[in-house]
Amino acid sequence: MRLRGHTALAFVAGAVMALGTPPYDLWPLAILSIAAIFAILRNARRWALAGWAAGTGYFGVSLSWIVEPFFIEPEIYGWMAPFALVGLAAGLALFWAAAFGLAARLKAKRFLALVVLWTAAELARSTVLTGFPWSLVGYLWLETPVIQWAAVAGPHGLTFATLGLAALAASGRRPALGAGLGVAVLWAGGVWLTPPMQDLSDRPVVRLVQPNAPQTEKWDPERQRIFYERQLDFTAAPADDPARAPSLVVWPETALPMLLEDAGNAFAAMTDAAEGTPVATGILRYEDGRYYNALVLVENGAATQLYDKHHLVPFGEYMPLPGLVSRLGLRALAARATGGFAAGPGPRPMPLGPLGTALPLICYEAVFPQDINAAGFRPDWMLHVTNDAWFGTWSGPYQHLAQSRIRAIEQGVPLLRAANTGVSAAIDGAGRVLASLDLGQAGFVDAPLPPPLRITPYSRTGDWPILVLLIGAIAFAVLRGRRETV
């Protein structure tokens, strides 16, 4: 087959592989597509090009939601949407291209080398320029018991196992038998690892408020008051069970239409609506010439605890490498480095009395497993506020929810999230959604707070085991290659 044929097939296989991500969740098709990519490589001459094509197809479909922010103001930014999607997909695919190209240079065991290098590429894109670990290969198992292995091996360990099974399916005399046996082992292990449902009858209740403010209207001066009062009404609404009134009310990211410095009257109104129950809310604040995306705890009409988002969105909330960008002649873009958001000092505990200690997360921060491991303490639960209106109404919000579920599994710790337009949800330490509000729905949900599970192996070790495995495998391959050339 000619070069273009292999490249086109790899692109199609990558695009089909993306159908394993939410909201499609066609995981069998995704796993078969990975095996197809390995099969295509058996006769391909330019592995790097095939890897780049597969990655472009995969990221082009799975990250198609990236165009949504550009249509908030389509008359100004709409023209940029296709360039952003193509640029992001093609750029992230370079990680795959590098892995495929390096694997092709080895004379033997190239599939095994690709499993190692492809996993390393996924780890690298989770780290470079603060990382973008969205749509990791290991996430394809979310709707199966296999995802419980994330509590043991983390997302990159799952990626390694997934790629290994796909490589096995594309090689050997009886590939289907070996790969099928491997899936069966992972599946059975996942079932065994899945903890039983917990008794939540005596657990404290948290109210998650979802105002459903479309991003096109959220900051409209004529609409801000409507969304603010809607949240007050939801906060004041009686509990379904009067004997189990909420112990905490949570509003989403940037829920208040004013800066922290101007929110005194709003805080008093929130306390009145909640009848003295603490309210956690997202809000912007300004200090020393910089803006911060913050989460505050409101008690008795005042902010008593504060957390500033520390892991900012590259190119969205800050401009990475502003000096280089400026030297390239893009001074307007570089100006975002001083005109965007400032990062907070890092993760911090939020003690909440009978609710235990929460780890606050704002929006994008829930997609980074390494950040939660690096927090320096094990929380009783994770408190996540987000505004997923930026992600549109199709795949983006569901993928964000999926990653929140995986964070809960990795840590064995429940995660409760309040999302502006949805999906607000209470998630237990096994990643199960116990209660939720659908995307595009305005309302609230009262959910019992599950207790944390036993500490997981991944929460103890983080990515160190898979990192050592990858470094060892790469070092072994390099040393073996040198011996063969002597």
Foldseek 3Di string as FASTA:
>chain_A
DDQVVLLVLLLVLLLQLLCLAPPNVPLVSNLLSLLVLLLSVVPHDQQLSSLLSSQLNNQLNNVLLLLLLQVLPCVVRVVCSVVVSNVVSSVLSNLRSVLRRVLVPFPPPSLVSSLLSVLVSLVVQCPPPVHDNFPQSLLSCLVALLLLCCQAANSSRSSSLSSVLSNQLSDDDCSVVVSVVSVVVSRVVSVVSQDDDDDQPPFAKEKFFALLQFPSGCQPPVCVVVSLVLRLQQLLDADPDNVRQHLEYEAFWQSHNDALVPCQVVLQSSCVSNVFRKYKYWHWYDDPQAIFTKIFIRGNSHTPDIDTAASDDDLPQADPPLVVCVVVVNPVSSVSNRVGHHGDPAWDWDQRPSNWIETEEEAPRLQRLVRQLVNPDQTFAYEYHYECSSSPQGRRQVSSLSSNLSSLSNFQHWYFYHYHQDFGFTAGSNSDTPDTDDGRDGHMDMDGGDTGDPGGNCSVPPNVVSVVVSVVVVVVSVVVVVVVVD
